[in-house]
């Protein structure tokens, strides 16, 4: 893997050009040869692909006025791309994105309607704490903080188990569960995703000492908060 330094007005690059993939880690920018990815066709992948197809078909059934409203909303609500640049989606892209989020969250909002402004609480996840992951105890507890409240919807991504020395797990993060907090979670001070994690990733019975990273985003009005990140080591 080669390391590169940009110049001439170019400070960063991300994505694929021809047979070369550009990316960045804590060591700086780098590029590598592109390798054709395998396609495991998991049930979750198929569900999301089918969902995207359904939303795309539904977009075509909207009235002209509804599509115009989505165009306006997308123009007024730019998003950040992988390099942190502000970009504007098309109305169709915004419709698909927001309504896939709504469906995954179990949100019953009328999908033709553009979303209201999202509201997010601070300190829902205790990012100063750590995950409690135990093989024998069959626990994978994510610590909550002072901003946590019942009925908050949290999209929970977790990495595969990695060696304790590995720091960058961005490429192997998976959406494990969409959790709606309840009063018991608030009283306990955590929520547990052990069953869902093992069902998706596989057994962690031999992974004592390995580390797992978690990224949690609040959901509201079809949109997500900035991810809250926490890590922990698997105990026997």
C-alpha atoms as a PDB file:
ATOM      1  CA  UNK A   1       0.000   0.000   0.000  1.00  0.00           C
ATOM      2  CA  UNK A   2       1.483   3.335  -1.067  1.00  0.00           C
ATOM      3  CA  UNK A   3       1.210   6.536   0.951  1.00  0.00           C
ATOM      4  CA  UNK A   4       0.647   9.818  -0.855  1.00  0.00           C
ATOM      5  CA  UNK A   5       0.761  13.574  -0.241  1.00  0.00           C
ATOM      6  CA  UNK A   6      -1.575  15.817  -2.205  1.00  0.00           C
ATOM      7  CA  UNK A   7      -0.787  19.258  -3.551  1.00  0.00           C
ATOM      8  CA  UNK A   8      -1.853  21.716  -6.199  1.00  0.00           C
ATOM      9  CA  UNK A   9      -5.139  22.487  -4.490  1.00  0.00           C
ATOM     10  CA  UNK A  10      -6.027  18.818  -3.830  1.00  0.00           C
ATOM     11  CA  UNK A  11      -5.978  17.952  -0.118  1.00  0.00           C
ATOM     12  CA  UNK A  12      -7.803  14.621   0.020  1.00  0.00           C
ATOM     13  CA  UNK A  13      -9.467  11.922  -2.078  1.00  0.00           C
ATOM     14  CA  UNK A  14     -11.959   9.177  -1.363  1.00  0.00           C
ATOM     15  CA  UNK A  15     -13.417   6.509  -3.611  1.00  0.00           C
ATOM     16  CA  UNK A  16     -12.396   4.642  -6.752  1.00  0.00           C
ATOM     17  CA  UNK A  17     -10.874   5.978  -9.951  1.00  0.00           C
ATOM     18  CA  UNK A  18     -10.240   3.275 -12.535  1.00  0.00           C
ATOM     19  CA  UNK A  19      -8.527   0.429 -10.706  1.00  0.00           C
ATOM     20  CA  UNK A  20      -7.321   2.552  -7.772  1.00  0.00           C
ATOM     21  CA  UNK A  21      -9.095   3.166  -4.458  1.00  0.00           C
ATOM     22  CA  UNK A  22      -8.239   6.329  -2.491  1.00  0.00           C
ATOM     23  CA  UNK A  23      -8.796   6.553   1.254  1.00  0.00           C
ATOM     24  CA  UNK A  24      -7.381   7.958   4.475  1.00  0.00           C
ATOM     25  CA  UNK A  25      -6.512   6.707   7.958  1.00  0.00           C
ATOM     26  CA  UNK A  26      -4.667   8.196  10.919  1.00  0.00           C
ATOM     27  CA  UNK A  27      -1.404   7.747   9.027  1.00  0.00           C
ATOM     28  CA  UNK A  28      -2.587   9.974   6.204  1.00  0.00           C
ATOM     29  CA  UNK A  29      -3.906   9.531   2.680  1.00  0.00           C
ATOM     30  CA  UNK A  30      -3.187   6.326   0.781  1.00  0.00           C
ATOM     31  CA  UNK A  31      -4.248   4.382  -2.287  1.00  0.00           C
ATOM     32  CA  UNK A  32      -4.489   0.693  -3.123  1.00  0.00           C
ATOM     33  CA  UNK A  33      -5.523  -1.535  -5.991  1.00  0.00           C
ATOM     34  CA  UNK A  34      -9.254  -2.099  -6.205  1.00  0.00           C
ATOM     35  CA  UNK A  35     -10.360  -5.660  -5.487  1.00  0.00           C
ATOM     36  CA  UNK A  36     -13.755  -6.782  -6.761  1.00  0.00           C
ATOM     37  CA  UNK A  37     -15.821  -7.230  -3.576  1.00  0.00           C
ATOM     38  CA  UNK A  38     -17.608 -10.453  -2.822  1.00  0.00           C
ATOM     39  CA  UNK A  39     -21.380 -10.311  -2.523  1.00  0.00           C
ATOM     40  CA  UNK A  40     -22.524 -12.529   0.338  1.00  0.00           C
ATOM     41  CA  UNK A  41     -26.212 -11.757  -0.338  1.00  0.00           C
ATOM     42  CA  UNK A  42     -27.136 -11.758   3.354  1.00  0.00           C
ATOM     43  CA  UNK A  43     -30.790 -11.474   4.273  1.00  0.00           C
ATOM     44  CA  UNK A  44     -30.201  -7.975   5.655  1.00  0.00           C
ATOM     45  CA  UNK A  45     -28.540  -6.881   2.426  1.00  0.00           C
ATOM     46  CA  UNK A  46     -31.380  -8.282   0.365  1.00  0.00           C
ATOM     47  CA  UNK A  47     -33.938  -6.574   2.585  1.00  0.00           C
ATOM     48  CA  UNK A  48     -32.273  -3.186   2.101  1.00  0.00           C
ATOM     49  CA  UNK A  49     -31.935  -3.660  -1.656  1.00  0.00           C
ATOM     50  CA  UNK A  50     -35.586  -4.591  -1.935  1.00  0.00           C
ATOM     51  CA  UNK A  51     -36.502  -1.621   0.248  1.00  0.00           C
ATOM     52  CA  UNK A  52     -34.571   0.773  -1.981  1.00  0.00           C
ATOM     53  CA  UNK A  53     -36.312  -0.642  -5.052  1.00  0.00           C
ATOM     54  CA  UNK A  54     -39.698  -0.167  -3.367  1.00  0.00           C
ATOM     55  CA  UNK A  55     -38.940   3.458  -2.434  1.00  0.00           C
ATOM     56  CA  UNK A  56     -37.709   4.221  -5.943  1.00  0.00           C
ATOM     57  CA  UNK A  57     -40.942   2.841  -7.367  1.00  0.00           C
ATOM     58  CA  UNK A  58     -43.004   4.832  -4.854  1.00  0.00           C
ATOM     59  CA  UNK A  59     -41.225   8.062  -5.862  1.00  0.00           C
ATOM     60  CA  UNK A  60     -42.584   7.706  -9.365  1.00  0.00           C
ATOM     61  CA  UNK A  61     -46.132   7.577  -7.981  1.00  0.00           C
ATOM     62  CA  UNK A  62     -45.906  10.933  -6.189  1.00  0.00           C
ATOM     63  CA  UNK A  63     -47.729  13.948  -7.539  1.00  0.00           C
ATOM     64  CA  UNK A  64     -45.776  16.749  -9.216  1.00  0.00           C
ATOM     65  CA  UNK A  65     -46.392  18.925  -6.148  1.00  0.00           C
ATOM     66  CA  UNK A  66     -45.055  16.264  -3.795  1.00  0.00           C
ATOM     67  CA  UNK A  67     -41.916  15.766  -5.882  1.00  0.00           C
ATOM     68  CA  UNK A  68     -41.401  19.545  -6.013  1.00  0.00           C
ATOM     69  CA  UNK A  69     -41.649  19.661  -2.210  1.00  0.00           C
ATOM     70  CA  UNK A  70     -38.930  17.002  -1.925  1.00  0.00           C
ATOM     71  CA  UNK A  71     -36.725  18.896  -4.382  1.00  0.00           C
ATOM     72  CA  UNK A  72     -37.076  22.004  -2.224  1.00  0.00           C
ATOM     73  CA  UNK A  73     -36.397  20.097   0.999  1.00  0.00           C
ATOM     74  CA  UNK A  74     -33.269  18.477  -0.464  1.00  0.00           C
ATOM     75  CA  UNK A  75     -32.012  21.862  -1.665  1.00  0.00           C
ATOM     76  CA  UNK A  76     -32.487  23.375   1.803  1.00  0.00           C
ATOM     77  CA  UNK A  77     -31.000  20.407   3.704  1.00  0.00           C
ATOM     78  CA  UNK A  78     -27.562  19.520   2.311  1.00  0.00           C
ATOM     79  CA  UNK A  79     -25.640  16.587   3.757  1.00  0.00           C
ATOM     80  CA  UNK A  80     -21.938  15.958   4.348  1.00  0.00           C
ATOM     81  CA  UNK A  81     -20.104  13.520   2.104  1.00  0.00           C
ATOM     82  CA  UNK A  82     -17.222  11.246   3.137  1.00  0.00           C
ATOM     83  CA  UNK A  83     -14.734  14.110   2.898  1.00  0.00           C
ATOM     84  CA  UNK A  84     -16.857  16.426   5.014  1.00  0.00           C
ATOM     85  CA  UNK A  85     -18.000  18.518   2.058  1.00  0.00           C
ATOM     86  CA  UNK A  86     -21.563  19.844   1.936  1.00  0.00           C
ATOM     87  CA  UNK A  87     -23.508  18.365  -0.980  1.00  0.00           C
ATOM     88  CA  UNK A  88     -27.127  18.589  -2.099  1.00  0.00           C
ATOM     89  CA  UNK A  89     -29.138  15.474  -2.922  1.00  0.00           C
ATOM     90  CA  UNK A  90     -31.794  15.381  -5.584  1.00  0.00           C
ATOM     91  CA  UNK A  91     -35.398  15.212  -4.433  1.00  0.00           C
ATOM     92  CA  UNK A  92     -35.531  11.525  -5.376  1.00  0.00           C
ATOM     93  CA  UNK A  93     -32.340  10.752  -3.460  1.00  0.00           C
ATOM     94  CA  UNK A  94     -33.638  12.568  -0.392  1.00  0.00           C
ATOM     95  CA  UNK A  95     -36.997  10.786  -0.615  1.00  0.00           C
ATOM     96  CA  UNK A  96     -35.320   7.373  -0.809  1.00  0.00           C
ATOM     97  CA  UNK A  97     -32.870   8.117   1.994  1.00  0.00           C
ATOM     98  CA  UNK A  98     -35.406   9.559   4.434  1.00  0.00           C
ATOM     99  CA  UNK A  99     -38.052   6.918   3.780  1.00  0.00           C
ATOM    100  CA  UNK A 100     -35.648   3.989   4.032  1.00  0.00           C
ATOM    101  CA  UNK A 101     -34.649   5.403   7.422  1.00  0.00           C
ATOM    102  CA  UNK A 102     -38.311   5.777   8.381  1.00  0.00           C
ATOM    103  CA  UNK A 103     -39.104   2.189   7.472  1.00  0.00           C
ATOM    104  CA  UNK A 104     -36.038   0.794   9.254  1.00  0.00           C
ATOM    105  CA  UNK A 105     -36.997   2.792  12.357  1.00  0.00           C
ATOM    106  CA  UNK A 106     -40.617   1.641  12.277  1.00  0.00           C
ATOM    107  CA  UNK A 107     -41.683   5.248  11.800  1.00  0.00           C
ATOM    108  CA  UNK A 108     -45.274   5.469  10.593  1.00  0.00           C
ATOM    109  CA  UNK A 109     -44.875   8.932   9.032  1.00  0.00           C
ATOM    110  CA  UNK A 110     -46.658   9.516   5.725  1.00  0.00           C
ATOM    111  CA  UNK A 111     -43.858   8.841   3.278  1.00  0.00           C
ATOM    112  CA  UNK A 112     -44.946  11.412   0.712  1.00  0.00           C
ATOM    113  CA  UNK A 113     -44.408  14.153   3.315  1.00  0.00           C
ATOM    114  CA  UNK A 114     -41.035  15.839   3.780  1.00  0.00           C
ATOM    115  CA  UNK A 115     -39.675  15.607   7.337  1.00  0.00           C
ATOM    116  CA  UNK A 116     -39.775  18.285   9.989  1.00  0.00           C
ATOM    117  CA  UNK A 117     -36.539  19.451  11.596  1.00  0.00           C
ATOM    118  CA  UNK A 118     -34.924  16.674  13.618  1.00  0.00           C
ATOM    119  CA  UNK A 119     -34.257  17.066  17.354  1.00  0.00           C
ATOM    120  CA  UNK A 120     -31.457  15.141  19.049  1.00  0.00           C
ATOM    121  CA  UNK A 121     -30.469  14.860  22.702  1.00  0.00           C
ATOM    122  CA  UNK A 122     -26.903  15.203  23.936  1.00  0.00           C
ATOM    123  CA  UNK A 123     -25.127  12.473  25.916  1.00  0.00           C
ATOM    124  CA  UNK A 124     -27.453   9.575  25.171  1.00  0.00           C
ATOM    125  CA  UNK A 125     -24.516   7.139  25.070  1.00  0.00           C
ATOM    126  CA  UNK A 126     -21.783   7.170  27.711  1.00  0.00           C
ATOM    127  CA  UNK A 127     -18.806   7.654  25.412  1.00  0.00           C
ATOM    128  CA  UNK A 128     -16.489   8.029  28.428  1.00  0.00           C
ATOM    129  CA  UNK A 129     -17.421   4.508  29.539  1.00  0.00           C
ATOM    130  CA  UNK A 130     -16.875   1.198  27.794  1.00  0.00           C
ATOM    131  CA  UNK A 131     -18.869  -1.706  26.440  1.00  0.00           C
ATOM    132  CA  UNK A 132     -19.455  -4.665  28.739  1.00  0.00           C
ATOM    133  CA  UNK A 133     -19.081  -7.759  26.549  1.00  0.00           C
ATOM    134  CA  UNK A 134     -18.909 -11.174  28.173  1.00  0.00           C
ATOM    135  CA  UNK A 135     -18.897 -14.632  26.595  1.00  0.00           C
ATOM    136  CA  UNK A 136     -19.938 -16.563  29.707  1.00  0.00           C
ATOM    137  CA  UNK A 137     -22.411 -13.896  30.804  1.00  0.00           C
ATOM    138  CA  UNK A 138     -23.784 -13.655  27.245  1.00  0.00           C
ATOM    139  CA  UNK A 139     -23.903  -9.879  27.530  1.00  0.00           C
ATOM    140  CA  UNK A 140     -23.133  -7.030  25.156  1.00  0.00           C
ATOM    141  CA  UNK A 141     -24.150  -3.951  27.087  1.00  0.00           C
ATOM    142  CA  UNK A 142     -23.982  -0.430  25.647  1.00  0.00           C
ATOM    143  CA  UNK A 143     -23.812   2.198  28.430  1.00  0.00           C
ATOM    144  CA  UNK A 144     -26.375   4.986  28.462  1.00  0.00           C
ATOM    145  CA  UNK A 145     -25.804   8.516  29.728  1.00  0.00           C
ATOM    146  CA  UNK A 146     -27.839  11.378  31.142  1.00  0.00           C
ATOM    147  CA  UNK A 147     -29.574  12.261  27.871  1.00  0.00           C
ATOM    148  CA  UNK A 148     -31.112   8.797  27.411  1.00  0.00           C
ATOM    149  CA  UNK A 149     -34.900   8.572  27.641  1.00  0.00           C
ATOM    150  CA  UNK A 150     -37.616   6.058  26.885  1.00  0.00           C
ATOM    151  CA  UNK A 151     -38.840   5.912  23.265  1.00  0.00           C
ATOM    152  CA  UNK A 152     -35.598   7.208  21.762  1.00  0.00           C
ATOM    153  CA  UNK A 153     -34.709   5.212  18.637  1.00  0.00           C
ATOM    154  CA  UNK A 154     -31.051   4.241  18.290  1.00  0.00           C
ATOM    155  CA  UNK A 155     -29.417   2.714  15.217  1.00  0.00           C
ATOM    156  CA  UNK A 156     -26.609   0.563  16.581  1.00  0.00           C
ATOM    157  CA  UNK A 157     -23.621  -0.396  14.421  1.00  0.00           C
ATOM    158  CA  UNK A 158     -20.865  -2.679  15.703  1.00  0.00           C
ATOM    159  CA  UNK A 159     -17.599  -3.920  14.284  1.00  0.00           C
ATOM    160  CA  UNK A 160     -16.440  -7.473  13.898  1.00  0.00           C
ATOM    161  CA  UNK A 161     -14.205  -8.611  16.794  1.00  0.00           C
ATOM    162  CA  UNK A 162     -10.702  -7.326  16.093  1.00  0.00           C
ATOM    163  CA  UNK A 163      -7.287  -7.615  17.672  1.00  0.00           C
ATOM    164  CA  UNK A 164      -6.815  -5.130  20.489  1.00  0.00           C
ATOM    165  CA  UNK A 165      -4.157  -3.360  18.420  1.00  0.00           C
ATOM    166  CA  UNK A 166      -6.489  -2.607  15.502  1.00  0.00           C
ATOM    167  CA  UNK A 167      -7.908   0.918  15.619  1.00  0.00           C
ATOM    168  CA  UNK A 168      -9.675   1.436  12.279  1.00  0.00           C
ATOM    169  CA  UNK A 169     -12.793  -0.739  11.981  1.00  0.00           C
ATOM    170  CA  UNK A 170     -14.804   1.524   9.676  1.00  0.00           C
ATOM    171  CA  UNK A 171     -14.880  -1.036   6.872  1.00  0.00           C
ATOM    172  CA  UNK A 172     -16.350  -3.829   8.990  1.00  0.00           C
ATOM    173  CA  UNK A 173     -19.066  -1.956  10.898  1.00  0.00           C
ATOM    174  CA  UNK A 174     -22.513  -3.545  10.581  1.00  0.00           C
ATOM    175  CA  UNK A 175     -25.990  -2.337  11.543  1.00  0.00           C
ATOM    176  CA  UNK A 176     -26.810  -4.826  14.286  1.00  0.00           C
ATOM    177  CA  UNK A 177     -30.081  -3.533  15.703  1.00  0.00           C
ATOM    178  CA  UNK A 178     -32.486  -0.611  15.713  1.00  0.00           C
ATOM    179  CA  UNK A 179     -33.340  -0.186  19.390  1.00  0.00           C
ATOM    180  CA  UNK A 180     -36.215   1.746  20.932  1.00  0.00           C
ATOM    181  CA  UNK A 181     -35.240   2.463  24.534  1.00  0.00           C
ATOM    182  CA  UNK A 182     -37.737   1.616  27.269  1.00  0.00           C
ATOM    183  CA  UNK A 183     -37.989   2.462  30.948  1.00  0.00           C
ATOM    184  CA  UNK A 184     -36.083  -0.682  31.945  1.00  0.00           C
ATOM    185  CA  UNK A 185     -33.141   0.395  29.800  1.00  0.00           C
ATOM    186  CA  UNK A 186     -33.108   3.777  31.512  1.00  0.00           C
ATOM    187  CA  UNK A 187     -33.218   2.200  34.980  1.00  0.00           C
ATOM    188  CA  UNK A 188     -30.483  -0.312  34.081  1.00  0.00           C
ATOM    189  CA  UNK A 189     -28.303   2.334  32.487  1.00  0.00           C
ATOM    190  CA  UNK A 190     -27.629   0.250  29.379  1.00  0.00           C
ATOM    191  CA  UNK A 191     -29.192  -1.776  26.584  1.00  0.00           C
ATOM    192  CA  UNK A 192     -28.009  -5.197  25.466  1.00  0.00           C
ATOM    193  CA  UNK A 193     -27.456  -6.391  21.868  1.00  0.00           C
ATOM    194  CA  UNK A 194     -25.751  -9.747  22.564  1.00  0.00           C
ATOM    195  CA  UNK A 195     -28.405 -11.941  20.931  1.00  0.00           C
ATOM    196  CA  UNK A 196     -28.686  -9.743  17.840  1.00  0.00           C
ATOM    197  CA  UNK A 197     -24.899  -9.390  17.515  1.00  0.00           C
ATOM    198  CA  UNK A 198     -24.225 -13.134  17.649  1.00  0.00           C
ATOM    199  CA  UNK A 199     -27.120 -13.855  15.288  1.00  0.00           C
ATOM    200  CA  UNK A 200     -25.600 -11.517  12.689  1.00  0.00           C
ATOM    201  CA  UNK A 201     -21.824 -11.778  13.220  1.00  0.00           C
ATOM    202  CA  UNK A 202     -21.561 -15.327  14.602  1.00  0.00           C
ATOM    203  CA  UNK A 203     -20.303 -16.853  17.835  1.00  0.00           C
ATOM    204  CA  UNK A 204     -17.734 -14.935  19.863  1.00  0.00           C
ATOM    205  CA  UNK A 205     -16.982 -17.954  22.087  1.00  0.00           C
ATOM    206  CA  UNK A 206     -13.274 -17.972  21.142  1.00  0.00           C
ATOM    207  CA  UNK A 207     -12.817 -14.208  20.993  1.00  0.00           C
ATOM    208  CA  UNK A 208     -11.864 -13.335  24.583  1.00  0.00           C
ATOM    209  CA  UNK A 209      -9.458 -10.404  24.543  1.00  0.00           C
ATOM    210  CA  UNK A 210     -10.690  -9.134  21.174  1.00  0.00           C
ATOM    211  CA  UNK A 211     -12.099  -5.623  20.904  1.00  0.00           C
ATOM    212  CA  UNK A 212     -15.414  -4.437  19.422  1.00  0.00           C
ATOM    213  CA  UNK A 213     -16.260  -0.872  18.444  1.00  0.00           C
ATOM    214  CA  UNK A 214     -19.821   0.452  18.478  1.00  0.00           C
ATOM    215  CA  UNK A 215     -21.283   3.514  16.753  1.00  0.00           C
ATOM    216  CA  UNK A 216     -24.757   4.686  17.796  1.00  0.00           C
ATOM    217  CA  UNK A 217     -26.938   7.265  16.053  1.00  0.00           C
ATOM    218  CA  UNK A 218     -30.203   8.711  17.305  1.00  0.00           C
ATOM    219  CA  UNK A 219     -33.086   8.714  14.863  1.00  0.00           C
ATOM    220  CA  UNK A 220     -35.657  11.467  14.437  1.00  0.00           C
ATOM    221  CA  UNK A 221     -37.731  12.638  11.454  1.00  0.00           C
ATOM    222  CA  UNK A 222     -35.958  10.268   9.070  1.00  0.00           C
ATOM    223  CA  UNK A 223     -32.554  11.665  10.029  1.00  0.00           C
ATOM    224  CA  UNK A 224     -29.580  10.660  12.183  1.00  0.00           C
ATOM    225  CA  UNK A 225     -27.475  12.404  14.786  1.00  0.00           C
ATOM    226  CA  UNK A 226     -23.690  12.534  14.738  1.00  0.00           C
ATOM    227  CA  UNK A 227     -22.494   9.030  15.748  1.00  0.00           C
ATOM    228  CA  UNK A 228     -21.618   8.400  19.396  1.00  0.00           C
ATOM    229  CA  UNK A 229     -18.747   5.920  19.626  1.00  0.00           C
ATOM    230  CA  UNK A 230     -17.725   3.540  22.395  1.00  0.00           C
ATOM    231  CA  UNK A 231     -15.458   0.503  22.544  1.00  0.00           C
ATOM    232  CA  UNK A 232     -14.909  -2.539  24.761  1.00  0.00           C
ATOM    233  CA  UNK A 233     -12.968  -5.785  25.088  1.00  0.00           C
ATOM    234  CA  UNK A 234     -14.589  -9.211  25.123  1.00  0.00           C
ATOM    235  CA  UNK A 235     -14.164 -11.043  28.422  1.00  0.00           C
ATOM    236  CA  UNK A 236     -14.286 -14.804  28.928  1.00  0.00           C
END
